[in-house]
Amino acid sequence: MKNLTDFINECLNEAEESIKSEKDFRAAAKAKFEEVFGDDLDEKRMKFTIDGFLKDNKELVDKGEWAELIGMLNQSFADN
């Protein structure tokens, strides 16, 4: 039987592995913003934030390190 931590880690790994492009990343980031902010989501601010995040991490974007980027994005929400 798996413990909860292992189960969550497996789910996160599966989600991260499905992100193969900037389009996939943007869709995953949007879903995360919707989950976190719900009805209070400001679409314009969300787009600005995602654009800035990708620009600030251009080296990882160029390398296609989508799993690392989504992990960093998720961590940024955990810090709040």
PDB file of N, CA and C in Angstrom:
ATOM      1  N   MET A   1       0.838  -1.173   0.000  1.00  0.00           N
ATOM      2  CA  MET A   1       0.000   0.000   0.000  1.00  0.00           C
ATOM      3  C   MET A   1       0.893   1.251   0.000  1.00  0.00           C
ATOM      4  N   LYS A   2       0.548   2.220  -0.848  1.00  0.00           N
ATOM      5  CA  LYS A   2       1.306   3.456  -0.944  1.00  0.00           C
ATOM      6  C   LYS A   2       0.903   4.412   0.163  1.00  0.00           C
ATOM      7  N   ASN A   3       1.895   5.175   0.607  1.00  0.00           N
ATOM      8  CA  ASN A   3       1.522   6.218   1.556  1.00  0.00           C
ATOM      9  C   ASN A   3       1.106   7.458   0.764  1.00  0.00           C
ATOM     10  N   LEU A   4       0.518   8.413   1.451  1.00  0.00           N
ATOM     11  CA  LEU A   4      -0.026   9.600   0.802  1.00  0.00           C
ATOM     12  C   LEU A   4       1.051  10.400   0.076  1.00  0.00           C
ATOM     13  N   THR A   5       2.207  10.543   0.669  1.00  0.00           N
ATOM     14  CA  THR A   5       3.294  11.307   0.051  1.00  0.00           C
ATOM     15  C   THR A   5       3.705  10.689  -1.278  1.00  0.00           C
ATOM     16  N   ASP A   6       3.865   9.374  -1.315  1.00  0.00           N
ATOM     17  CA  ASP A   6       4.233   8.694  -2.562  1.00  0.00           C
ATOM     18  C   ASP A   6       3.160   8.880  -3.624  1.00  0.00           C
ATOM     19  N   PHE A   7       1.904   8.781  -3.223  1.00  0.00           N
ATOM     20  CA  PHE A   7       0.796   8.943  -4.153  1.00  0.00           C
ATOM     21  C   PHE A   7       0.794  10.354  -4.753  1.00  0.00           C
ATOM     22  N   ILE A   8       0.957  11.356  -3.910  1.00  0.00           N
ATOM     23  CA  ILE A   8       0.966  12.746  -4.384  1.00  0.00           C
ATOM     24  C   ILE A   8       2.147  12.977  -5.310  1.00  0.00           C
ATOM     25  N   ASN A   9       3.318  12.480  -4.944  1.00  0.00           N
ATOM     26  CA  ASN A   9       4.496  12.636  -5.794  1.00  0.00           C
ATOM     27  C   ASN A   9       4.304  11.981  -7.155  1.00  0.00           C
ATOM     28  N   GLU A  10       3.696  10.822  -7.197  1.00  0.00           N
ATOM     29  CA  GLU A  10       3.435  10.150  -8.463  1.00  0.00           C
ATOM     30  C   GLU A  10       2.474  10.969  -9.320  1.00  0.00           C
ATOM     31  N   CYS A  11       1.443  11.522  -8.707  1.00  0.00           N
ATOM     32  CA  CYS A  11       0.481  12.345  -9.446  1.00  0.00           C
ATOM     33  C   CYS A  11       1.161  13.590 -10.014  1.00  0.00           C
ATOM     34  N   LEU A  12       2.000  14.217  -9.212  1.00  0.00           N
ATOM     35  CA  LEU A  12       2.716  15.406  -9.678  1.00  0.00           C
ATOM     36  C   LEU A  12       3.659  15.058 -10.821  1.00  0.00           C
ATOM     37  N   ASN A  13       4.357  13.943 -10.711  1.00  0.00           N
ATOM     38  CA  ASN A  13       5.279  13.532 -11.769  1.00  0.00           C
ATOM     39  C   ASN A  13       4.541  13.251 -13.073  1.00  0.00           C
ATOM     40  N   GLU A  14       3.389  12.606 -12.985  1.00  0.00           N
ATOM     41  CA  GLU A  14       2.598  12.328 -14.186  1.00  0.00           C
ATOM     42  C   GLU A  14       2.155  13.628 -14.843  1.00  0.00           C
ATOM     43  N   ALA A  15       1.707  14.587 -14.040  1.00  0.00           N
ATOM     44  CA  ALA A  15       1.261  15.869 -14.585  1.00  0.00           C
ATOM     45  C   ALA A  15       2.426  16.613 -15.223  1.00  0.00           C
ATOM     46  N   GLU A  16       3.577  16.610 -14.567  1.00  0.00           N
ATOM     47  CA  GLU A  16       4.743  17.308 -15.096  1.00  0.00           C
ATOM     48  C   GLU A  16       5.236  16.668 -16.383  1.00  0.00           C
ATOM     49  N   GLU A  17       5.165  15.356 -16.488  1.00  0.00           N
ATOM     50  CA  GLU A  17       5.631  14.664 -17.687  1.00  0.00           C
ATOM     51  C   GLU A  17       4.731  14.939 -18.881  1.00  0.00           C
ATOM     52  N   SER A  18       3.481  15.328 -18.651  1.00  0.00           N
ATOM     53  CA  SER A  18       2.560  15.590 -19.752  1.00  0.00           C
ATOM     54  C   SER A  18       2.785  16.967 -20.363  1.00  0.00           C
ATOM     55  N   ILE A  19       3.623  17.800 -19.746  1.00  0.00           N
ATOM     56  CA  ILE A  19       3.904  19.139 -20.248  1.00  0.00           C
ATOM     57  C   ILE A  19       5.125  19.053 -21.153  1.00  0.00           C
ATOM     58  N   LYS A  20       4.878  19.237 -22.448  1.00  0.00           N
ATOM     59  CA  LYS A  20       5.938  19.057 -23.436  1.00  0.00           C
ATOM     60  C   LYS A  20       6.209  20.312 -24.262  1.00  0.00           C
ATOM     61  N   SER A  21       5.454  21.392 -24.019  1.00  0.00           N
ATOM     62  CA  SER A  21       5.616  22.602 -24.822  1.00  0.00           C
ATOM     63  C   SER A  21       5.171  23.814 -24.013  1.00  0.00           C
ATOM     64  N   GLU A  22       5.460  24.990 -24.572  1.00  0.00           N
ATOM     65  CA  GLU A  22       5.017  26.216 -23.910  1.00  0.00           C
ATOM     66  C   GLU A  22       3.491  26.262 -23.830  1.00  0.00           C
ATOM     67  N   LYS A  23       2.838  25.783 -24.860  1.00  0.00           N
ATOM     68  CA  LYS A  23       1.368  25.746 -24.863  1.00  0.00           C
ATOM     69  C   LYS A  23       0.858  24.882 -23.710  1.00  0.00           C
ATOM     70  N   ASP A  24       1.460  23.700 -23.528  1.00  0.00           N
ATOM     71  CA  ASP A  24       1.076  22.817 -22.420  1.00  0.00           C
ATOM     72  C   ASP A  24       1.327  23.497 -21.076  1.00  0.00           C
ATOM     73  N   PHE A  25       2.490  24.173 -20.971  1.00  0.00           N
ATOM     74  CA  PHE A  25       2.825  24.861 -19.727  1.00  0.00           C
ATOM     75  C   PHE A  25       1.799  25.939 -19.421  1.00  0.00           C
ATOM     76  N   ARG A  26       1.461  26.736 -20.430  1.00  0.00           N
ATOM     77  CA  ARG A  26       0.487  27.813 -20.219  1.00  0.00           C
ATOM     78  C   ARG A  26      -0.866  27.254 -19.767  1.00  0.00           C
ATOM     79  N   ALA A  27      -1.274  26.139 -20.343  1.00  0.00           N
ATOM     80  CA  ALA A  27      -2.547  25.522 -19.950  1.00  0.00           C
ATOM     81  C   ALA A  27      -2.479  25.031 -18.502  1.00  0.00           C
ATOM     82  N   ALA A  28      -1.357  24.422 -18.129  1.00  0.00           N
ATOM     83  CA  ALA A  28      -1.200  23.935 -16.754  1.00  0.00           C
ATOM     84  C   ALA A  28      -1.130  25.099 -15.774  1.00  0.00           C
ATOM     85  N   ALA A  29      -0.418  26.158 -16.153  1.00  0.00           N
ATOM     86  CA  ALA A  29      -0.312  27.335 -15.289  1.00  0.00           C
ATOM     87  C   ALA A  29      -1.685  27.984 -15.110  1.00  0.00           C
ATOM     88  N   LYS A  30      -2.436  28.079 -16.192  1.00  0.00           N
ATOM     89  CA  LYS A  30      -3.780  28.666 -16.109  1.00  0.00           C
ATOM     90  C   LYS A  30      -4.665  27.850 -15.169  1.00  0.00           C
ATOM     91  N   ALA A  31      -4.582  26.529 -15.283  1.00  0.00           N
ATOM     92  CA  ALA A  31      -5.372  25.661 -14.404  1.00  0.00           C
ATOM     93  C   ALA A  31      -4.986  25.878 -12.941  1.00  0.00           C
ATOM     94  N   LYS A  32      -3.689  26.064 -12.692  1.00  0.00           N
ATOM     95  CA  LYS A  32      -3.226  26.300 -11.323  1.00  0.00           C
ATOM     96  C   LYS A  32      -3.752  27.635 -10.802  1.00  0.00           C
ATOM     97  N   PHE A  33      -3.675  28.670 -11.614  1.00  0.00           N
ATOM     98  CA  PHE A  33      -4.201  29.973 -11.221  1.00  0.00           C
ATOM     99  C   PHE A  33      -5.700  29.883 -10.930  1.00  0.00           C
ATOM    100  N   GLU A  34      -6.444  29.180 -11.781  1.00  0.00           N
ATOM    101  CA  GLU A  34      -7.884  29.024 -11.571  1.00  0.00           C
ATOM    102  C   GLU A  34      -8.174  28.292 -10.269  1.00  0.00           C
ATOM    103  N   GLU A  35      -7.370  27.274  -9.985  1.00  0.00           N
ATOM    104  CA  GLU A  35      -7.532  26.508  -8.744  1.00  0.00           C
ATOM    105  C   GLU A  35      -7.276  27.389  -7.523  1.00  0.00           C
ATOM    106  N   VAL A  36      -6.227  28.186  -7.585  1.00  0.00           N
ATOM    107  CA  VAL A  36      -5.820  28.999  -6.440  1.00  0.00           C
ATOM    108  C   VAL A  36      -6.745  30.198  -6.234  1.00  0.00           C
ATOM    109  N   PHE A  37      -7.077  30.886  -7.323  1.00  0.00           N
ATOM    110  CA  PHE A  37      -7.821  32.143  -7.189  1.00  0.00           C
ATOM    111  C   PHE A  37      -9.324  32.017  -7.399  1.00  0.00           C
ATOM    112  N   GLY A  38      -9.763  30.950  -8.034  1.00  0.00           N
ATOM    113  CA  GLY A  38     -11.196  30.746  -8.234  1.00  0.00           C
ATOM    114  C   GLY A  38     -11.857  31.936  -8.915  1.00  0.00           C
ATOM    115  N   ASP A  39     -12.966  32.387  -8.357  1.00  0.00           N
ATOM    116  CA  ASP A  39     -13.732  33.491  -8.939  1.00  0.00           C
ATOM    117  C   ASP A  39     -13.002  34.828  -8.875  1.00  0.00           C
ATOM    118  N   ASP A  40     -11.968  34.925  -8.046  1.00  0.00           N
ATOM    119  CA  ASP A  40     -11.213  36.171  -7.913  1.00  0.00           C
ATOM    120  C   ASP A  40     -10.091  36.295  -8.943  1.00  0.00           C
ATOM    121  N   LEU A  41      -9.997  35.343  -9.872  1.00  0.00           N
ATOM    122  CA  LEU A  41      -8.918  35.341 -10.859  1.00  0.00           C
ATOM    123  C   LEU A  41      -9.029  36.545 -11.784  1.00  0.00           C
ATOM    124  N   ASP A  42      -7.937  37.254 -11.929  1.00  0.00           N
ATOM    125  CA  ASP A  42      -7.822  38.374 -12.862  1.00  0.00           C
ATOM    126  C   ASP A  42      -7.059  37.842 -14.078  1.00  0.00           C
ATOM    127  N   GLU A  43      -7.767  37.610 -15.174  1.00  0.00           N
ATOM    128  CA  GLU A  43      -7.170  36.992 -16.369  1.00  0.00           C
ATOM    129  C   GLU A  43      -5.987  37.810 -16.902  1.00  0.00           C
ATOM    130  N   LYS A  44      -6.117  39.120 -16.908  1.00  0.00           N
ATOM    131  CA  LYS A  44      -5.044  39.981 -17.426  1.00  0.00           C
ATOM    132  C   LYS A  44      -3.793  39.855 -16.556  1.00  0.00           C
ATOM    133  N   ARG A  45      -3.975  39.869 -15.259  1.00  0.00           N
ATOM    134  CA  ARG A  45      -2.841  39.743 -14.335  1.00  0.00           C
ATOM    135  C   ARG A  45      -2.224  38.350 -14.444  1.00  0.00           C
ATOM    136  N   MET A  46      -3.069  37.323 -14.614  1.00  0.00           N
ATOM    137  CA  MET A  46      -2.566  35.961 -14.758  1.00  0.00           C
ATOM    138  C   MET A  46      -1.671  35.854 -15.998  1.00  0.00           C
ATOM    139  N   LYS A  47      -2.146  36.384 -17.125  1.00  0.00           N
ATOM    140  CA  LYS A  47      -1.363  36.330 -18.364  1.00  0.00           C
ATOM    141  C   LYS A  47      -0.046  37.083 -18.191  1.00  0.00           C
ATOM    142  N   PHE A  48      -0.092  38.245 -17.585  1.00  0.00           N
ATOM    143  CA  PHE A  48       1.107  39.041 -17.336  1.00  0.00           C
ATOM    144  C   PHE A  48       2.101  38.252 -16.479  1.00  0.00           C
ATOM    145  N   THR A  49       1.595  37.577 -15.450  1.00  0.00           N
ATOM    146  CA  THR A  49       2.448  36.807 -14.546  1.00  0.00           C
ATOM    147  C   THR A  49       3.080  35.611 -15.256  1.00  0.00           C
ATOM    148  N   ILE A  50       2.288  34.892 -16.031  1.00  0.00           N
ATOM    149  CA  ILE A  50       2.815  33.733 -16.767  1.00  0.00           C
ATOM    150  C   ILE A  50       3.861  34.185 -17.782  1.00  0.00           C
ATOM    151  N   ASP A  51       3.562  35.257 -18.523  1.00  0.00           N
ATOM    152  CA  ASP A  51       4.527  35.785 -19.495  1.00  0.00           C
ATOM    153  C   ASP A  51       5.839  36.157 -18.795  1.00  0.00           C
ATOM    154  N   GLY A  52       5.739  36.839 -17.674  1.00  0.00           N
ATOM    155  CA  GLY A  52       6.924  37.239 -16.922  1.00  0.00           C
ATOM    156  C   GLY A  52       7.701  36.055 -16.391  1.00  0.00           C
ATOM    157  N   PHE A  53       6.978  35.057 -15.903  1.00  0.00           N
ATOM    158  CA  PHE A  53       7.612  33.849 -15.386  1.00  0.00           C
ATOM    159  C   PHE A  53       8.421  33.164 -16.486  1.00  0.00           C
ATOM    160  N   LEU A  54       7.839  33.044 -17.674  1.00  0.00           N
ATOM    161  CA  LEU A  54       8.541  32.410 -18.786  1.00  0.00           C
ATOM    162  C   LEU A  54       9.738  33.251 -19.234  1.00  0.00           C
ATOM    163  N   LYS A  55       9.570  34.563 -19.257  1.00  0.00           N
ATOM    164  CA  LYS A  55      10.666  35.454 -19.641  1.00  0.00           C
ATOM    165  C   LYS A  55      11.813  35.369 -18.627  1.00  0.00           C
ATOM    166  N   ASP A  56      11.482  35.367 -17.346  1.00  0.00           N
ATOM    167  CA  ASP A  56      12.500  35.302 -16.296  1.00  0.00           C
ATOM    168  C   ASP A  56      13.239  33.968 -16.275  1.00  0.00           C
ATOM    169  N   ASN A  57      12.640  32.954 -16.842  1.00  0.00           N
ATOM    170  CA  ASN A  57      13.232  31.608 -16.845  1.00  0.00           C
ATOM    171  C   ASN A  57      13.501  31.132 -18.273  1.00  0.00           C
ATOM    172  N   LYS A  58      13.907  32.064 -19.125  1.00  0.00           N
ATOM    173  CA  LYS A  58      14.100  31.777 -20.545  1.00  0.00           C
ATOM    174  C   LYS A  58      15.068  30.618 -20.787  1.00  0.00           C
ATOM    175  N   GLU A  59      16.096  30.520 -19.979  1.00  0.00           N
ATOM    176  CA  GLU A  59      17.072  29.436 -20.161  1.00  0.00           C
ATOM    177  C   GLU A  59      16.399  28.067 -20.025  1.00  0.00           C
ATOM    178  N   LEU A  60      15.529  27.920 -19.029  1.00  0.00           N
ATOM    179  CA  LEU A  60      14.818  26.650 -18.845  1.00  0.00           C
ATOM    180  C   LEU A  60      13.808  26.427 -19.968  1.00  0.00           C
ATOM    181  N   VAL A  61      13.158  27.504 -20.413  1.00  0.00           N
ATOM    182  CA  VAL A  61      12.212  27.398 -21.527  1.00  0.00           C
ATOM    183  C   VAL A  61      12.951  26.909 -22.768  1.00  0.00           C
ATOM    184  N   ASP A  62      14.091  27.527 -23.058  1.00  0.00           N
ATOM    185  CA  ASP A  62      14.870  27.142 -24.244  1.00  0.00           C
ATOM    186  C   ASP A  62      15.324  25.686 -24.194  1.00  0.00           C
ATOM    187  N   LYS A  63      15.596  25.180 -22.996  1.00  0.00           N
ATOM    188  CA  LYS A  63      16.022  23.784 -22.831  1.00  0.00           C
ATOM    189  C   LYS A  63      14.836  22.819 -22.789  1.00  0.00           C
ATOM    190  N   GLY A  64      13.611  23.370 -22.696  1.00  0.00           N
ATOM    191  CA  GLY A  64      12.424  22.509 -22.610  1.00  0.00           C
ATOM    192  C   GLY A  64      12.284  21.835 -21.257  1.00  0.00           C
ATOM    193  N   GLU A  65      12.760  22.485 -20.225  1.00  0.00           N
ATOM    194  CA  GLU A  65      12.693  21.947 -18.862  1.00  0.00           C
ATOM    195  C   GLU A  65      11.326  22.260 -18.236  1.00  0.00           C
ATOM    196  N   TRP A  66      10.277  21.739 -18.846  1.00  0.00           N
ATOM    197  CA  TRP A  66       8.907  22.070 -18.435  1.00  0.00           C
ATOM    198  C   TRP A  66       8.579  21.543 -17.046  1.00  0.00           C
ATOM    199  N   ALA A  67       9.078  20.366 -16.715  1.00  0.00           N
ATOM    200  CA  ALA A  67       8.799  19.804 -15.382  1.00  0.00           C
ATOM    201  C   ALA A  67       9.394  20.698 -14.297  1.00  0.00           C
ATOM    202  N   GLU A  68      10.607  21.181 -14.527  1.00  0.00           N
ATOM    203  CA  GLU A  68      11.230  22.066 -13.543  1.00  0.00           C
ATOM    204  C   GLU A  68      10.454  23.379 -13.428  1.00  0.00           C
ATOM    205  N   LEU A  69      10.011  23.896 -14.559  1.00  0.00           N
ATOM    206  CA  LEU A  69       9.253  25.151 -14.546  1.00  0.00           C
ATOM    207  C   LEU A  69       7.919  25.002 -13.813  1.00  0.00           C
ATOM    208  N   ILE A  70       7.219  23.911 -14.061  1.00  0.00           N
ATOM    209  CA  ILE A  70       5.932  23.732 -13.387  1.00  0.00           C
ATOM    210  C   ILE A  70       6.155  23.509 -11.895  1.00  0.00           C
ATOM    211  N   GLY A  71       7.253  22.841 -11.549  1.00  0.00           N
ATOM    212  CA  GLY A  71       7.585  22.681 -10.136  1.00  0.00           C
ATOM    213  C   GLY A  71       7.857  24.012  -9.468  1.00  0.00           C
ATOM    214  N   MET A  72       8.577  24.891 -10.161  1.00  0.00           N
ATOM    215  CA  MET A  72       8.859  26.223  -9.620  1.00  0.00           C
ATOM    216  C   MET A  72       7.561  27.020  -9.479  1.00  0.00           C
ATOM    217  N   LEU A  73       6.684  26.918 -10.460  1.00  0.00           N
ATOM    218  CA  LEU A  73       5.412  27.632 -10.380  1.00  0.00           C
ATOM    219  C   LEU A  73       4.593  27.130  -9.194  1.00  0.00           C
ATOM    220  N   ASN A  74       4.496  25.827  -9.054  1.00  0.00           N
ATOM    221  CA  ASN A  74       3.745  25.251  -7.927  1.00  0.00           C
ATOM    222  C   ASN A  74       4.341  25.681  -6.597  1.00  0.00           C
ATOM    223  N   GLN A  75       5.660  25.715  -6.528  1.00  0.00           N
ATOM    224  CA  GLN A  75       6.329  26.136  -5.291  1.00  0.00           C
ATOM    225  C   GLN A  75       6.023  27.584  -4.964  1.00  0.00           C
ATOM    226  N   SER A  76       5.912  28.421  -5.991  1.00  0.00           N
ATOM    227  CA  SER A  76       5.622  29.832  -5.749  1.00  0.00           C
ATOM    228  C   SER A  76       4.251  30.008  -5.097  1.00  0.00           C
ATOM    229  N   PHE A  77       3.309  29.129  -5.428  1.00  0.00           N
ATOM    230  CA  PHE A  77       2.000  29.193  -4.773  1.00  0.00           C
ATOM    231  C   PHE A  77       2.059  28.645  -3.354  1.00  0.00           C
ATOM    232  N   ALA A  78       2.925  27.687  -3.123  1.00  0.00           N
ATOM    233  CA  ALA A  78       3.044  27.093  -1.790  1.00  0.00           C
ATOM    234  C   ALA A  78       3.656  28.064  -0.807  1.00  0.00           C
ATOM    235  N   ASP A  79       4.465  28.992  -1.304  1.00  0.00           N
ATOM    236  CA  ASP A  79       5.116  29.961  -0.427  1.00  0.00           C
ATOM    237  C   ASP A  79       4.157  31.012   0.116  1.00  0.00           C
ATOM    238  N   ASN A  80       3.000  31.142  -0.527  1.00  0.00           N
ATOM    239  CA  ASN A  80       2.052  32.184  -0.105  1.00  0.00           C
ATOM    240  C   ASN A  80       1.132  31.732   0.988  1.00  0.00           C
TER     241      ASN A  80
END
